[in-house]
Amino acid sequence: SNFMGLALPFIKDKLDGKLPNTEFIGVEPRACPSVCKGQYRWDYGDTAKKAPLLKMHTLGHNFIPNPIHAGGLRYHGIAPIISNLVNNKIMKSSMHYQTEVIEAGLQFTRTEGILPAPETCHAIKEAIDQALLAKENGEKQVIIFNFSGHGYFDILAYKEYMEGNLTDFELPMEDINKALSSEDMPLIDESKF
């Protein structure tokens, strides 16, 4: 995860006590909230069950995501290292609708002159929200985010947003529970490790 490439050196500083109040926030779409609404459990990395079993936050390997423009964020699970850090309360996650993140991307483009990818817009949206929260609370914060890629191949997302055709989707808990209760979800007895 490119997020971890940015965050890990600072996580070490947090764990060592050098930066104890540092927050790490992963951001995901409401249409595929594997950390915010999934379960931390063992699962397959793919629908064919050929990839190794991994302990991760997951929506279930049979989960089929709703089509959203942030294609790189449509995976049923999240990296095991991120899952472990969230489970141990070293980092947290937030989720946003795709219209919110594309609007944040447009604001960034107008300000900085760079068109971000929809995946990157999620980080931008959260950075903006954190900055506004700090301002509202009268706090000075250092906020960094990972600009993971440009959106020059994702013009359709921006076009649909500007034409009013981009829709939001939030994955219902019933769908998540159904995917996670599937009979072929792996059951691992960790007491035997």
C-alpha atoms as a PDB file:
ATOM      1  CA  SER A   1       0.000   0.000   0.000  1.00  0.00           C
ATOM      2  CA  ASN A   2       1.437   3.382  -0.926  1.00  0.00           C
ATOM      3  CA  PHE A   3      -0.257   4.732   2.206  1.00  0.00           C
ATOM      4  CA  MET A   4       2.000   2.554   4.346  1.00  0.00           C
ATOM      5  CA  GLY A   5       5.095   3.740   2.497  1.00  0.00           C
ATOM      6  CA  LEU A   6       4.278   7.234   3.707  1.00  0.00           C
ATOM      7  CA  ALA A   7       2.977   6.301   7.162  1.00  0.00           C
ATOM      8  CA  LEU A   8       5.326   3.615   8.490  1.00  0.00           C
ATOM      9  CA  PRO A   9       8.260   5.882   9.429  1.00  0.00           C
ATOM     10  CA  PHE A  10       5.862   8.073  11.411  1.00  0.00           C
ATOM     11  CA  ILE A  11       4.161   5.048  12.971  1.00  0.00           C
ATOM     12  CA  LYS A  12       7.559   4.027  14.338  1.00  0.00           C
ATOM     13  CA  ASP A  13       7.893   7.506  15.850  1.00  0.00           C
ATOM     14  CA  LYS A  14       4.428   7.161  17.410  1.00  0.00           C
ATOM     15  CA  LEU A  15       5.237   3.739  18.874  1.00  0.00           C
ATOM     16  CA  ASP A  16       8.633   4.945  20.146  1.00  0.00           C
ATOM     17  CA  GLY A  17       6.914   7.865  21.913  1.00  0.00           C
ATOM     18  CA  LYS A  18       8.534  10.592  19.772  1.00  0.00           C
ATOM     19  CA  LEU A  19       5.192  11.585  18.186  1.00  0.00           C
ATOM     20  CA  PRO A  20       2.613  10.009  20.529  1.00  0.00           C
ATOM     21  CA  ASN A  21      -0.346  12.129  19.392  1.00  0.00           C
ATOM     22  CA  THR A  22       0.096  11.502  15.675  1.00  0.00           C
ATOM     23  CA  GLU A  23      -3.044  10.181  13.974  1.00  0.00           C
ATOM     24  CA  PHE A  24      -3.069   7.934  10.917  1.00  0.00           C
ATOM     25  CA  ILE A  25      -6.292   7.806   8.941  1.00  0.00           C
ATOM     26  CA  GLY A  26      -6.899   5.485   6.021  1.00  0.00           C
ATOM     27  CA  VAL A  27      -9.759   6.544   3.780  1.00  0.00           C
ATOM     28  CA  GLU A  28     -12.137   4.300   1.879  1.00  0.00           C
ATOM     29  CA  PRO A  29     -15.318   4.650  -0.178  1.00  0.00           C
ATOM     30  CA  ARG A  30     -18.690   4.153   1.492  1.00  0.00           C
ATOM     31  CA  ALA A  31     -19.433   1.723  -1.339  1.00  0.00           C
ATOM     32  CA  CYS A  32     -16.625  -0.606  -0.197  1.00  0.00           C
ATOM     33  CA  PRO A  33     -15.938   0.035   3.527  1.00  0.00           C
ATOM     34  CA  SER A  34     -13.808  -3.001   4.348  1.00  0.00           C
ATOM     35  CA  VAL A  35     -12.217  -1.390   7.432  1.00  0.00           C
ATOM     36  CA  CYS A  36     -15.110   0.738   8.696  1.00  0.00           C
ATOM     37  CA  LYS A  37     -17.790  -1.948   8.330  1.00  0.00           C
ATOM     38  CA  GLY A  38     -16.007  -5.219   7.580  1.00  0.00           C
ATOM     39  CA  GLN A  39     -14.766  -7.815  10.035  1.00  0.00           C
ATOM     40  CA  TYR A  40     -11.181  -8.448  11.131  1.00  0.00           C
ATOM     41  CA  ARG A  41     -10.836 -12.130  10.300  1.00  0.00           C
ATOM     42  CA  TRP A  42      -9.132 -14.659   8.087  1.00  0.00           C
ATOM     43  CA  ASP A  43     -10.206 -14.571   4.448  1.00  0.00           C
ATOM     44  CA  TYR A  44      -9.030 -15.374   0.975  1.00  0.00           C
ATOM     45  CA  GLY A  45      -7.437 -12.641  -1.066  1.00  0.00           C
ATOM     46  CA  ASP A  46      -9.536 -13.499  -4.132  1.00  0.00           C
ATOM     47  CA  THR A  47     -12.916 -14.934  -5.128  1.00  0.00           C
ATOM     48  CA  ALA A  48     -11.319 -18.089  -6.576  1.00  0.00           C
ATOM     49  CA  LYS A  49      -9.749 -18.843  -3.161  1.00  0.00           C
ATOM     50  CA  LYS A  50      -6.329 -19.353  -4.776  1.00  0.00           C
ATOM     51  CA  ALA A  51      -4.505 -16.571  -2.929  1.00  0.00           C
ATOM     52  CA  PRO A  52      -3.200 -17.289   0.579  1.00  0.00           C
ATOM     53  CA  LEU A  53      -5.435 -16.817   3.588  1.00  0.00           C
ATOM     54  CA  LEU A  54      -4.797 -13.460   5.234  1.00  0.00           C
ATOM     55  CA  LYS A  55      -6.021 -11.935   8.469  1.00  0.00           C
ATOM     56  CA  MET A  56      -7.509  -8.651   7.373  1.00  0.00           C
ATOM     57  CA  HIS A  57     -10.532  -6.424   7.549  1.00  0.00           C
ATOM     58  CA  THR A  58     -12.803  -7.914   4.920  1.00  0.00           C
ATOM     59  CA  LEU A  59     -16.256  -7.723   3.434  1.00  0.00           C
ATOM     60  CA  GLY A  60     -15.915 -11.375   2.367  1.00  0.00           C
ATOM     61  CA  HIS A  61     -14.068 -12.765  -0.644  1.00  0.00           C
ATOM     62  CA  ASN A  62     -17.395 -13.256  -2.472  1.00  0.00           C
ATOM     63  CA  PHE A  63     -18.243  -9.562  -2.118  1.00  0.00           C
ATOM     64  CA  ILE A  64     -18.911  -7.873  -5.456  1.00  0.00           C
ATOM     65  CA  PRO A  65     -18.481  -4.102  -5.138  1.00  0.00           C
ATOM     66  CA  ASN A  66     -20.759  -1.524  -6.652  1.00  0.00           C
ATOM     67  CA  PRO A  67     -19.087   0.161  -9.634  1.00  0.00           C
ATOM     68  CA  ILE A  68     -17.514   3.384  -8.427  1.00  0.00           C
ATOM     69  CA  HIS A  69     -14.806   5.477 -10.042  1.00  0.00           C
ATOM     70  CA  ALA A  70     -12.123   4.713  -7.456  1.00  0.00           C
ATOM     71  CA  GLY A  71     -11.422   1.294  -8.959  1.00  0.00           C
ATOM     72  CA  GLY A  72      -8.317   0.799  -6.845  1.00  0.00           C
ATOM     73  CA  LEU A  73     -10.443   0.984  -3.691  1.00  0.00           C
ATOM     74  CA  ARG A  74     -13.001  -1.649  -4.730  1.00  0.00           C
ATOM     75  CA  TYR A  75     -11.265  -4.634  -3.120  1.00  0.00           C
ATOM     76  CA  HIS A  76     -13.098  -6.713  -0.500  1.00  0.00           C
ATOM     77  CA  GLY A  77     -10.241  -6.549   2.001  1.00  0.00           C
ATOM     78  CA  ILE A  78      -7.455  -4.322   3.191  1.00  0.00           C
ATOM     79  CA  ALA A  79      -3.756  -5.029   3.620  1.00  0.00           C
ATOM     80  CA  PRO A  80      -2.978  -7.191   6.679  1.00  0.00           C
ATOM     81  CA  ILE A  81      -0.552  -4.608   8.088  1.00  0.00           C
ATOM     82  CA  ILE A  82      -3.210  -1.874   7.936  1.00  0.00           C
ATOM     83  CA  SER A  83      -5.769  -4.256   9.431  1.00  0.00           C
ATOM     84  CA  ASN A  84      -3.426  -5.076  12.304  1.00  0.00           C
ATOM     85  CA  LEU A  85      -2.678  -1.406  12.973  1.00  0.00           C
ATOM     86  CA  VAL A  86      -6.395  -0.552  12.984  1.00  0.00           C
ATOM     87  CA  ASN A  87      -7.186  -3.537  15.196  1.00  0.00           C
ATOM     88  CA  ASN A  88      -4.515  -2.359  17.658  1.00  0.00           C
ATOM     89  CA  LYS A  89      -5.857   1.223  17.533  1.00  0.00           C
ATOM     90  CA  ILE A  90      -2.635   2.646  16.080  1.00  0.00           C
ATOM     91  CA  MET A  91      -4.497   3.962  13.061  1.00  0.00           C
ATOM     92  CA  LYS A  92      -8.123   4.414  12.075  1.00  0.00           C
ATOM     93  CA  SER A  93     -10.225   4.643   8.961  1.00  0.00           C
ATOM     94  CA  SER A  94     -12.886   6.945   7.592  1.00  0.00           C
ATOM     95  CA  MET A  95     -15.214   6.672   4.620  1.00  0.00           C
ATOM     96  CA  HIS A  96     -16.709   9.116   2.153  1.00  0.00           C
ATOM     97  CA  TYR A  97     -19.184   9.205  -0.725  1.00  0.00           C
ATOM     98  CA  GLN A  98     -17.708   9.445  -4.210  1.00  0.00           C
ATOM     99  CA  THR A  99     -19.394  12.799  -4.938  1.00  0.00           C
ATOM    100  CA  GLU A 100     -17.686  14.287  -1.864  1.00  0.00           C
ATOM    101  CA  VAL A 101     -14.289  13.007  -2.903  1.00  0.00           C
ATOM    102  CA  ILE A 102     -14.601  14.167  -6.513  1.00  0.00           C
ATOM    103  CA  GLU A 103     -15.644  17.626  -5.270  1.00  0.00           C
ATOM    104  CA  ALA A 104     -12.541  17.654  -3.049  1.00  0.00           C
ATOM    105  CA  GLY A 105     -10.482  16.655  -6.086  1.00  0.00           C
ATOM    106  CA  LEU A 106     -11.912  19.543  -8.081  1.00  0.00           C
ATOM    107  CA  GLN A 107     -11.143  21.941  -5.226  1.00  0.00           C
ATOM    108  CA  PHE A 108      -7.565  20.620  -5.206  1.00  0.00           C
ATOM    109  CA  THR A 109      -7.325  21.040  -8.988  1.00  0.00           C
ATOM    110  CA  ARG A 110      -8.539  24.633  -8.804  1.00  0.00           C
ATOM    111  CA  THR A 111      -6.033  25.369  -6.039  1.00  0.00           C
ATOM    112  CA  GLU A 112      -2.982  23.366  -7.115  1.00  0.00           C
ATOM    113  CA  GLY A 113      -3.472  22.844 -10.860  1.00  0.00           C
ATOM    114  CA  ILE A 114      -3.165  19.048 -10.670  1.00  0.00           C
ATOM    115  CA  LEU A 115      -6.054  16.673 -11.404  1.00  0.00           C
ATOM    116  CA  PRO A 116      -5.978  13.870  -8.799  1.00  0.00           C
ATOM    117  CA  ALA A 117      -7.106  10.290  -9.388  1.00  0.00           C
ATOM    118  CA  PRO A 118     -10.387   9.320  -7.677  1.00  0.00           C
ATOM    119  CA  GLU A 119      -8.435   7.152  -5.207  1.00  0.00           C
ATOM    120  CA  THR A 120      -6.270  10.162  -4.330  1.00  0.00           C
ATOM    121  CA  CYS A 121      -9.381  12.318  -3.921  1.00  0.00           C
ATOM    122  CA  HIS A 122     -10.313  10.213  -0.891  1.00  0.00           C
ATOM    123  CA  ALA A 123      -7.124  11.287   0.900  1.00  0.00           C
ATOM    124  CA  ILE A 124      -7.652  14.890  -0.199  1.00  0.00           C
ATOM    125  CA  LYS A 125     -11.224  14.888   1.148  1.00  0.00           C
ATOM    126  CA  GLU A 126     -10.065  13.591   4.530  1.00  0.00           C
ATOM    127  CA  ALA A 127      -7.171  16.091   4.669  1.00  0.00           C
ATOM    128  CA  ILE A 128      -9.609  18.938   3.974  1.00  0.00           C
ATOM    129  CA  ASP A 129     -11.993  17.643   6.658  1.00  0.00           C
ATOM    130  CA  GLN A 130      -9.157  17.372   9.189  1.00  0.00           C
ATOM    131  CA  ALA A 131      -7.960  20.901   8.372  1.00  0.00           C
ATOM    132  CA  LEU A 132     -11.469  22.322   8.782  1.00  0.00           C
ATOM    133  CA  LEU A 133     -11.887  20.471  12.083  1.00  0.00           C
ATOM    134  CA  ALA A 134      -8.581  21.854  13.373  1.00  0.00           C
ATOM    135  CA  LYS A 135      -9.612  25.360  12.310  1.00  0.00           C
ATOM    136  CA  GLU A 136     -13.001  24.988  14.009  1.00  0.00           C
ATOM    137  CA  ASN A 137     -11.286  23.833  17.216  1.00  0.00           C
ATOM    138  CA  GLY A 138      -8.656  26.589  17.052  1.00  0.00           C
ATOM    139  CA  GLU A 139      -5.858  24.026  16.774  1.00  0.00           C
ATOM    140  CA  LYS A 140      -2.700  24.136  14.714  1.00  0.00           C
ATOM    141  CA  GLN A 141      -2.145  20.825  12.982  1.00  0.00           C
ATOM    142  CA  VAL A 142       0.436  19.428  10.608  1.00  0.00           C
ATOM    143  CA  ILE A 143      -1.511  17.399   8.063  1.00  0.00           C
ATOM    144  CA  ILE A 144       0.123  15.345   5.364  1.00  0.00           C
ATOM    145  CA  PHE A 145      -1.608  13.125   2.847  1.00  0.00           C
ATOM    146  CA  ASN A 146      -0.465  10.816   0.121  1.00  0.00           C
ATOM    147  CA  PHE A 147      -1.033  12.146  -3.386  1.00  0.00           C
ATOM    148  CA  SER A 148      -0.906   8.714  -4.975  1.00  0.00           C
ATOM    149  CA  GLY A 149      -1.682   9.556  -8.587  1.00  0.00           C
ATOM    150  CA  HIS A 150      -3.057  11.891 -11.211  1.00  0.00           C
ATOM    151  CA  GLY A 151      -6.524  11.582 -12.692  1.00  0.00           C
ATOM    152  CA  TYR A 152      -5.818  12.232 -16.345  1.00  0.00           C
ATOM    153  CA  PHE A 153      -7.115   8.747 -17.192  1.00  0.00           C
ATOM    154  CA  ASP A 154     -10.166   9.235 -14.962  1.00  0.00           C
ATOM    155  CA  ILE A 155     -11.764  12.213 -16.686  1.00  0.00           C
ATOM    156  CA  LEU A 156     -15.111  10.374 -16.886  1.00  0.00           C
ATOM    157  CA  ALA A 157     -15.565  10.591 -13.094  1.00  0.00           C
ATOM    158  CA  TYR A 158     -15.128  14.361 -13.193  1.00  0.00           C
ATOM    159  CA  LYS A 159     -17.336  14.693 -16.275  1.00  0.00           C
ATOM    160  CA  GLU A 160     -20.140  12.686 -14.647  1.00  0.00           C
ATOM    161  CA  TYR A 161     -19.827  14.755 -11.466  1.00  0.00           C
ATOM    162  CA  MET A 162     -19.962  18.074 -13.321  1.00  0.00           C
ATOM    163  CA  GLU A 163     -22.972  16.909 -15.348  1.00  0.00           C
ATOM    164  CA  GLY A 164     -24.786  15.830 -12.166  1.00  0.00           C
ATOM    165  CA  ASN A 165     -24.726  12.153 -13.156  1.00  0.00           C
ATOM    166  CA  LEU A 166     -22.378  10.812 -10.483  1.00  0.00           C
ATOM    167  CA  THR A 167     -24.316   8.900  -7.851  1.00  0.00           C
ATOM    168  CA  ASP A 168     -23.415   7.929  -4.314  1.00  0.00           C
ATOM    169  CA  PHE A 169     -23.760   4.444  -2.958  1.00  0.00           C
ATOM    170  CA  GLU A 170     -23.383   3.203   0.597  1.00  0.00           C
ATOM    171  CA  LEU A 171     -23.100  -0.517   1.056  1.00  0.00           C
ATOM    172  CA  PRO A 172     -25.999  -1.727   3.227  1.00  0.00           C
ATOM    173  CA  MET A 173     -25.093  -3.773   6.318  1.00  0.00           C
ATOM    174  CA  GLU A 174     -27.425  -6.531   5.087  1.00  0.00           C
ATOM    175  CA  ASP A 175     -25.171  -7.022   2.044  1.00  0.00           C
ATOM    176  CA  ILE A 176     -22.055  -7.039   4.218  1.00  0.00           C
ATOM    177  CA  ASN A 177     -23.556  -9.524   6.679  1.00  0.00           C
ATOM    178  CA  LYS A 178     -24.653 -11.765   3.806  1.00  0.00           C
ATOM    179  CA  ALA A 179     -21.171 -11.786   2.261  1.00  0.00           C
ATOM    180  CA  LEU A 180     -19.515 -12.459   5.626  1.00  0.00           C
ATOM    181  CA  SER A 181     -21.918 -15.252   6.587  1.00  0.00           C
ATOM    182  CA  SER A 182     -21.266 -17.205   3.400  1.00  0.00           C
ATOM    183  CA  GLU A 183     -20.684 -20.913   4.022  1.00  0.00           C
ATOM    184  CA  ASP A 184     -17.317 -20.824   2.274  1.00  0.00           C
ATOM    185  CA  MET A 185     -15.819 -18.142   4.528  1.00  0.00           C
ATOM    186  CA  PRO A 186     -12.768 -19.728   6.173  1.00  0.00           C
ATOM    187  CA  LEU A 187     -12.955 -20.554   9.874  1.00  0.00           C
ATOM    188  CA  ILE A 188      -9.501 -20.494  11.446  1.00  0.00           C
ATOM    189  CA  ASP A 189      -8.847 -21.607  15.016  1.00  0.00           C
ATOM    190  CA  GLU A 190      -6.065 -19.270  16.149  1.00  0.00           C
ATOM    191  CA  SER A 191      -5.625 -21.182  19.405  1.00  0.00           C
ATOM    192  CA  LYS A 192      -3.794 -23.835  17.361  1.00  0.00           C
ATOM    193  CA  PHE A 193      -1.086 -21.428  16.215  1.00  0.00           C
END
